PDB file of N, CA and C in Angstrom:
ATOM      1  N   UNK A   1      41.324  64.766  42.942  1.00  0.00           N
ATOM      2  CA  UNK A   1      40.387  65.801  42.575  1.00  0.00           C
ATOM      3  C   UNK A   1      40.807  66.368  41.231  1.00  0.00           C
ATOM      4  N   UNK A   2      39.832  66.562  40.342  1.00  0.00           N
ATOM      5  CA  UNK A   2      40.107  67.147  39.034  1.00  0.00           C
ATOM      6  C   UNK A   2      40.453  68.635  39.156  1.00  0.00           C
ATOM      7  N   UNK A   3      41.316  69.166  38.316  1.00  0.00           N
ATOM      8  CA  UNK A   3      41.725  70.569  38.409  1.00  0.00           C
ATOM      9  C   UNK A   3      40.525  71.496  38.330  1.00  0.00           C
ATOM     10  N   UNK A   4      39.527  71.226  37.528  1.00  0.00           N
ATOM     11  CA  UNK A   4      38.400  72.177  37.415  1.00  0.00           C
ATOM     12  C   UNK A   4      37.601  72.212  38.711  1.00  0.00           C
ATOM     13  N   UNK A   5      37.469  71.110  39.408  1.00  0.00           N
ATOM     14  CA  UNK A   5      36.767  71.102  40.651  1.00  0.00           C
ATOM     15  C   UNK A   5      37.554  71.871  41.772  1.00  0.00           C
ATOM     16  N   UNK A   6      38.877  71.702  41.728  1.00  0.00           N
ATOM     17  CA  UNK A   6      39.715  72.433  42.678  1.00  0.00           C
ATOM     18  C   UNK A   6      39.627  73.938  42.446  1.00  0.00           C
ATOM     19  N   UNK A   7      39.635  74.351  41.192  1.00  0.00           N
ATOM     20  CA  UNK A   7      39.535  75.784  40.856  1.00  0.00           C
ATOM     21  C   UNK A   7      38.157  76.304  41.272  1.00  0.00           C
ATOM     22  N   UNK A   8      37.090  75.555  41.137  1.00  0.00           N
ATOM     23  CA  UNK A   8      35.769  75.965  41.538  1.00  0.00           C
ATOM     24  C   UNK A   8      35.722  76.259  42.996  1.00  0.00           C
ATOM     25  N   UNK A   9      36.510  75.565  43.802  1.00  0.00           N
ATOM     26  CA  UNK A   9      36.518  75.783  45.252  1.00  0.00           C
ATOM     27  C   UNK A   9      37.190  77.130  45.582  1.00  0.00           C
ATOM     28  N   UNK A  10      37.958  77.699  44.677  1.00  0.00           N
ATOM     29  CA  UNK A  10      38.661  78.971  44.895  1.00  0.00           C
ATOM     30  C   UNK A  10      37.865  80.199  44.536  1.00  0.00           C
ATOM     31  N   UNK A  11      36.650  80.018  43.951  1.00  0.00           N
ATOM     32  CA  UNK A  11      35.834  81.159  43.603  1.00  0.00           C
ATOM     33  C   UNK A  11      35.502  81.996  44.829  1.00  0.00           C
ATOM     34  N   UNK A  12      35.695  83.288  44.688  1.00  0.00           N
ATOM     35  CA  UNK A  12      35.485  84.237  45.788  1.00  0.00           C
ATOM     36  C   UNK A  12      36.746  84.524  46.538  1.00  0.00           C
ATOM     37  N   UNK A  13      37.837  83.883  46.274  1.00  0.00           N
ATOM     38  CA  UNK A  13      39.085  84.105  46.959  1.00  0.00           C
ATOM     39  C   UNK A  13      40.050  84.823  46.042  1.00  0.00           C
ATOM     40  N   UNK A  14      41.098  85.421  46.606  1.00  0.00           N
ATOM     41  CA  UNK A  14      42.105  86.113  45.847  1.00  0.00           C
ATOM     42  C   UNK A  14      43.149  85.084  45.373  1.00  0.00           C
ATOM     43  N   UNK A  15      43.492  85.161  44.115  1.00  0.00           N
ATOM     44  CA  UNK A  15      44.495  84.192  43.502  1.00  0.00           C
ATOM     45  C   UNK A  15      45.531  84.961  42.734  1.00  0.00           C
ATOM     46  N   UNK A  16      46.669  84.295  42.550  1.00  0.00           N
ATOM     47  CA  UNK A  16      47.723  84.785  41.672  1.00  0.00           C
ATOM     48  C   UNK A  16      47.768  83.864  40.452  1.00  0.00           C
ATOM     49  N   UNK A  17      47.951  84.425  39.296  1.00  0.00           N
ATOM     50  CA  UNK A  17      47.975  83.646  38.027  1.00  0.00           C
ATOM     51  C   UNK A  17      49.219  83.990  37.261  1.00  0.00           C
ATOM     52  N   UNK A  18      49.998  82.958  36.860  1.00  0.00           N
ATOM     53  CA  UNK A  18      51.176  83.176  36.017  1.00  0.00           C
ATOM     54  C   UNK A  18      50.749  82.736  34.607  1.00  0.00           C
ATOM     55  N   UNK A  19      51.023  83.629  33.661  1.00  0.00           N
ATOM     56  CA  UNK A  19      50.641  83.406  32.275  1.00  0.00           C
ATOM     57  C   UNK A  19      51.806  82.960  31.393  1.00  0.00           C
ATOM     58  N   UNK A  20      51.548  82.293  30.285  1.00  0.00           N
ATOM     59  CA  UNK A  20      52.575  81.900  29.334  1.00  0.00           C
ATOM     60  C   UNK A  20      53.175  83.161  28.692  1.00  0.00           C
ATOM     61  N   UNK A  21      54.463  83.150  28.469  1.00  0.00           N
ATOM     62  CA  UNK A  21      55.151  84.200  27.735  1.00  0.00           C
ATOM     63  C   UNK A  21      55.120  85.561  28.426  1.00  0.00           C
ATOM     64  N   UNK A  22      54.863  85.566  29.707  1.00  0.00           N
ATOM     65  CA  UNK A  22      54.778  86.845  30.422  1.00  0.00           C
ATOM     66  C   UNK A  22      55.646  86.778  31.666  1.00  0.00           C
ATOM     67  N   UNK A  23      56.400  87.823  31.923  1.00  0.00           N
ATOM     68  CA  UNK A  23      57.267  87.809  33.107  1.00  0.00           C
ATOM     69  C   UNK A  23      56.539  88.342  34.321  1.00  0.00           C
ATOM     70  N   UNK A  24      55.319  88.810  34.164  1.00  0.00           N
ATOM     71  CA  UNK A  24      54.552  89.337  35.282  1.00  0.00           C
ATOM     72  C   UNK A  24      53.479  88.371  35.719  1.00  0.00           C
ATOM     73  N   UNK A  25      53.030  88.534  36.917  1.00  0.00           N
ATOM     74  CA  UNK A  25      51.969  87.731  37.517  1.00  0.00           C
ATOM     75  C   UNK A  25      50.743  88.660  37.705  1.00  0.00           C
ATOM     76  N   UNK A  26      49.560  88.051  37.613  1.00  0.00           N
ATOM     77  CA  UNK A  26      48.322  88.759  37.879  1.00  0.00           C
ATOM     78  C   UNK A  26      47.741  88.323  39.207  1.00  0.00           C
ATOM     79  N   UNK A  27      47.180  89.232  39.918  1.00  0.00           N
ATOM     80  CA  UNK A  27      46.532  88.914  41.223  1.00  0.00           C
ATOM     81  C   UNK A  27      45.157  89.590  41.243  1.00  0.00           C
ATOM     82  N   UNK A  28      44.122  88.808  41.568  1.00  0.00           N
ATOM     83  CA  UNK A  28      42.778  89.362  41.672  1.00  0.00           C
ATOM     84  C   UNK A  28      41.823  88.338  42.288  1.00  0.00           C
ATOM     85  N   UNK A  29      40.582  88.800  42.465  1.00  0.00           N
ATOM     86  CA  UNK A  29      39.572  87.976  43.082  1.00  0.00           C
ATOM     87  C   UNK A  29      38.907  87.149  41.985  1.00  0.00           C
ATOM     88  N   UNK A  30      38.940  85.809  42.164  1.00  0.00           N
ATOM     89  CA  UNK A  30      38.377  84.892  41.185  1.00  0.00           C
ATOM     90  C   UNK A  30      36.853  84.935  41.273  1.00  0.00           C
ATOM     91  N   UNK A  31      36.240  85.377  40.168  1.00  0.00           N
ATOM     92  CA  UNK A  31      34.765  85.495  40.105  1.00  0.00           C
ATOM     93  C   UNK A  31      34.142  84.240  39.518  1.00  0.00           C
ATOM     94  N   UNK A  32      34.743  83.677  38.488  1.00  0.00           N
ATOM     95  CA  UNK A  32      34.188  82.462  37.879  1.00  0.00           C
ATOM     96  C   UNK A  32      35.250  81.713  37.072  1.00  0.00           C
ATOM     97  N   UNK A  33      34.956  80.471  36.830  1.00  0.00           N
ATOM     98  CA  UNK A  33      35.838  79.596  36.044  1.00  0.00           C
ATOM     99  C   UNK A  33      34.922  78.556  35.293  1.00  0.00           C
ATOM    100  N   UNK A  34      35.306  78.221  34.077  1.00  0.00           N
ATOM    101  CA  UNK A  34      34.533  77.207  33.353  1.00  0.00           C
ATOM    102  C   UNK A  34      35.314  75.913  33.200  1.00  0.00           C
ATOM    103  N   UNK A  35      34.802  74.975  32.435  1.00  0.00           N
ATOM    104  CA  UNK A  35      35.407  73.655  32.294  1.00  0.00           C
ATOM    105  C   UNK A  35      36.724  73.694  31.524  1.00  0.00           C
ATOM    106  N   UNK A  36      37.000  74.782  30.805  1.00  0.00           N
ATOM    107  CA  UNK A  36      38.260  74.943  30.090  1.00  0.00           C
ATOM    108  C   UNK A  36      39.288  75.741  30.921  1.00  0.00           C
ATOM    109  N   UNK A  37      38.954  76.025  32.156  1.00  0.00           N
ATOM    110  CA  UNK A  37      39.752  76.829  33.089  1.00  0.00           C
ATOM    111  C   UNK A  37      39.948  78.265  32.591  1.00  0.00           C
ATOM    112  N   UNK A  38      38.996  78.761  31.795  1.00  0.00           N
ATOM    113  CA  UNK A  38      38.979  80.180  31.531  1.00  0.00           C
ATOM    114  C   UNK A  38      38.560  80.859  32.824  1.00  0.00           C
ATOM    115  N   UNK A  39      39.242  81.945  33.186  1.00  0.00           N
ATOM    116  CA  UNK A  39      39.015  82.586  34.482  1.00  0.00           C
ATOM    117  C   UNK A  39      38.562  84.011  34.318  1.00  0.00           C
ATOM    118  N   UNK A  40      37.674  84.424  35.234  1.00  0.00           N
ATOM    119  CA  UNK A  40      37.257  85.878  35.316  1.00  0.00           C
ATOM    120  C   UNK A  40      37.748  86.388  36.644  1.00  0.00           C
ATOM    121  N   UNK A  41      38.668  87.377  36.620  1.00  0.00           N
ATOM    122  CA  UNK A  41      39.166  87.995  37.810  1.00  0.00           C
ATOM    123  C   UNK A  41      38.679  89.421  37.922  1.00  0.00           C
ATOM    124  N   UNK A  42      38.360  89.880  39.154  1.00  0.00           N
ATOM    125  CA  UNK A  42      37.967  91.270  39.388  1.00  0.00           C
ATOM    126  C   UNK A  42      39.049  91.864  40.327  1.00  0.00           C
ATOM    127  N   UNK A  43      39.068  93.204  40.266  1.00  0.00           N
ATOM    128  CA  UNK A  43      40.052  93.956  41.074  1.00  0.00           C
ATOM    129  C   UNK A  43      41.460  93.410  40.862  1.00  0.00           C
ATOM    130  N   UNK A  44      41.836  93.245  39.609  1.00  0.00           N
ATOM    131  CA  UNK A  44      43.091  92.596  39.216  1.00  0.00           C
ATOM    132  C   UNK A  44      44.233  93.591  39.170  1.00  0.00           C
ATOM    133  N   UNK A  45      45.408  93.126  39.614  1.00  0.00           N
ATOM    134  CA  UNK A  45      46.613  93.932  39.558  1.00  0.00           C
ATOM    135  C   UNK A  45      47.694  93.113  38.895  1.00  0.00           C
ATOM    136  N   UNK A  46      48.567  93.815  38.150  1.00  0.00           N
ATOM    137  CA  UNK A  46      49.759  93.209  37.564  1.00  0.00           C
ATOM    138  C   UNK A  46      50.858  93.341  38.619  1.00  0.00           C
ATOM    139  N   UNK A  47      51.560  92.238  38.873  1.00  0.00           N
ATOM    140  CA  UNK A  47      52.648  92.238  39.862  1.00  0.00           C
ATOM    141  C   UNK A  47      53.958  92.033  39.124  1.00  0.00           C
ATOM    142  N   UNK A  48      54.850  92.993  39.334  1.00  0.00           N
ATOM    143  CA  UNK A  48      56.204  92.954  38.714  1.00  0.00           C
ATOM    144  C   UNK A  48      57.244  93.056  39.819  1.00  0.00           C
ATOM    145  N   UNK A  49      58.111  92.097  39.901  1.00  0.00           N
ATOM    146  CA  UNK A  49      59.158  92.094  40.927  1.00  0.00           C
ATOM    147  C   UNK A  49      58.572  92.117  42.325  1.00  0.00           C
ATOM    148  N   UNK A  50      57.447  91.435  42.555  1.00  0.00           N
ATOM    149  CA  UNK A  50      56.808  91.309  43.864  1.00  0.00           C
ATOM    150  C   UNK A  50      56.048  92.549  44.308  1.00  0.00           C
ATOM    151  N   UNK A  51      55.856  93.500  43.436  1.00  0.00           N
ATOM    152  CA  UNK A  51      55.138  94.760  43.815  1.00  0.00           C
ATOM    153  C   UNK A  51      54.007  94.956  42.824  1.00  0.00           C
ATOM    154  N   UNK A  52      52.830  95.358  43.370  1.00  0.00           N
ATOM    155  CA  UNK A  52      51.682  95.658  42.494  1.00  0.00           C
ATOM    156  C   UNK A  52      52.027  96.897  41.659  1.00  0.00           C
ATOM    157  N   UNK A  53      52.078  96.670  40.335  1.00  0.00           N
ATOM    158  CA  UNK A  53      52.570  97.757  39.468  1.00  0.00           C
ATOM    159  C   UNK A  53      51.453  98.526  38.798  1.00  0.00           C
ATOM    160  N   UNK A  54      50.359  97.879  38.404  1.00  0.00           N
ATOM    161  CA  UNK A  54      49.239  98.609  37.818  1.00  0.00           C
ATOM    162  C   UNK A  54      47.921  97.872  37.942  1.00  0.00           C
ATOM    163  N   UNK A  55      46.870  98.641  38.004  1.00  0.00           N
ATOM    164  CA  UNK A  55      45.535  98.055  38.192  1.00  0.00           C
ATOM    165  C   UNK A  55      44.930  97.751  36.804  1.00  0.00           C
ATOM    166  N   UNK A  56      44.332  96.580  36.678  1.00  0.00           N
ATOM    167  CA  UNK A  56      43.733  96.155  35.370  1.00  0.00           C
ATOM    168  C   UNK A  56      42.220  96.048  35.472  1.00  0.00           C
ATOM    169  N   UNK A  57      41.676  96.053  36.704  1.00  0.00           N
ATOM    170  CA  UNK A  57      40.240  95.941  36.863  1.00  0.00           C
ATOM    171  C   UNK A  57      39.760  94.564  36.615  1.00  0.00           C
ATOM    172  N   UNK A  58      38.707  94.408  35.771  1.00  0.00           N
ATOM    173  CA  UNK A  58      38.121  93.113  35.458  1.00  0.00           C
ATOM    174  C   UNK A  58      38.809  92.462  34.260  1.00  0.00           C
ATOM    175  N   UNK A  59      39.308  91.234  34.407  1.00  0.00           N
ATOM    176  CA  UNK A  59      40.100  90.541  33.380  1.00  0.00           C
ATOM    177  C   UNK A  59      39.544  89.160  33.124  1.00  0.00           C
ATOM    178  N   UNK A  60      39.513  88.762  31.859  1.00  0.00           N
ATOM    179  CA  UNK A  60      39.176  87.361  31.518  1.00  0.00           C
ATOM    180  C   UNK A  60      40.430  86.709  30.955  1.00  0.00           C
ATOM    181  N   UNK A  61      40.808  85.548  31.511  1.00  0.00           N
ATOM    182  CA  UNK A  61      42.009  84.858  31.107  1.00  0.00           C
ATOM    183  C   UNK A  61      41.649  83.551  30.403  1.00  0.00           C
ATOM    184  N   UNK A  62      42.270  83.306  29.286  1.00  0.00           N
ATOM    185  CA  UNK A  62      42.008  82.078  28.543  1.00  0.00           C
ATOM    186  C   UNK A  62      42.776  80.926  29.204  1.00  0.00           C
ATOM    187  N   UNK A  63      42.103  79.827  29.441  1.00  0.00           N
ATOM    188  CA  UNK A  63      42.663  78.708  30.224  1.00  0.00           C
ATOM    189  C   UNK A  63      43.921  78.132  29.642  1.00  0.00           C
ATOM    190  N   UNK A  64      44.051  78.041  28.313  1.00  0.00           N
ATOM    191  CA  UNK A  64      45.254  77.401  27.754  1.00  0.00           C
ATOM    192  C   UNK A  64      46.472  78.268  27.823  1.00  0.00           C
ATOM    193  N   UNK A  65      46.373  79.556  28.290  1.00  0.00           N
ATOM    194  CA  UNK A  65      47.494  80.406  28.462  1.00  0.00           C
ATOM    195  C   UNK A  65      47.957  80.488  29.916  1.00  0.00           C
ATOM    196  N   UNK A  66      47.304  79.753  30.792  1.00  0.00           N
ATOM    197  CA  UNK A  66      47.632  79.816  32.224  1.00  0.00           C
ATOM    198  C   UNK A  66      48.646  78.726  32.549  1.00  0.00           C
ATOM    199  N   UNK A  67      49.766  79.140  33.231  1.00  0.00           N
ATOM    200  CA  UNK A  67      50.772  78.190  33.651  1.00  0.00           C
ATOM    201  C   UNK A  67      50.473  77.736  35.076  1.00  0.00           C
ATOM    202  N   UNK A  68      50.217  78.716  35.949  1.00  0.00           N
ATOM    203  CA  UNK A  68      50.039  78.376  37.392  1.00  0.00           C
ATOM    204  C   UNK A  68      48.978  79.241  38.004  1.00  0.00           C
ATOM    205  N   UNK A  69      48.175  78.665  38.891  1.00  0.00           N
ATOM    206  CA  UNK A  69      47.151  79.380  39.632  1.00  0.00           C
ATOM    207  C   UNK A  69      47.356  79.023  41.098  1.00  0.00           C
ATOM    208  N   UNK A  70      47.507  80.040  41.957  1.00  0.00           N
ATOM    209  CA  UNK A  70      47.694  79.761  43.362  1.00  0.00           C
ATOM    210  C   UNK A  70      46.890  80.707  44.201  1.00  0.00           C
ATOM    211  N   UNK A  71      46.244  80.181  45.263  1.00  0.00           N
ATOM    212  CA  UNK A  71      45.463  81.020  46.165  1.00  0.00           C
ATOM    213  C   UNK A  71      46.374  81.879  47.061  1.00  0.00           C
ATOM    214  N   UNK A  72      45.905  83.071  47.418  1.00  0.00           N
ATOM    215  CA  UNK A  72      46.610  83.983  48.321  1.00  0.00           C
ATOM    216  C   UNK A  72      45.932  83.957  49.671  1.00  0.00           C
ATOM    217  N   UNK A  73      46.722  83.717  50.703  1.00  0.00           N
ATOM    218  CA  UNK A  73      46.157  83.764  52.078  1.00  0.00           C
ATOM    219  C   UNK A  73      46.122  85.205  52.509  1.00  0.00           C
ATOM    220  N   UNK A  74      44.981  85.619  53.073  1.00  0.00           N
ATOM    221  CA  UNK A  74      44.802  86.970  53.537  1.00  0.00           C
ATOM    222  C   UNK A  74      44.611  87.034  55.027  1.00  0.00           C
TER     223      UNK A  74
END
């Protein structure tokens, strides 16, 4: 399965995203993704040392800056 199709199946679920050059992880509800893996997250939080540290709200992430995307089981 292509990565874009796999990411499309995650729309509507909560995901964690690790970004390039950042020691923190973002967690939020995946609203949409395009063919370049640009992501739109809602209700996003920054996670530092395993703890939600601050609320970011709605965030758009550029696909080429994403290292890892993983679904969160609730």
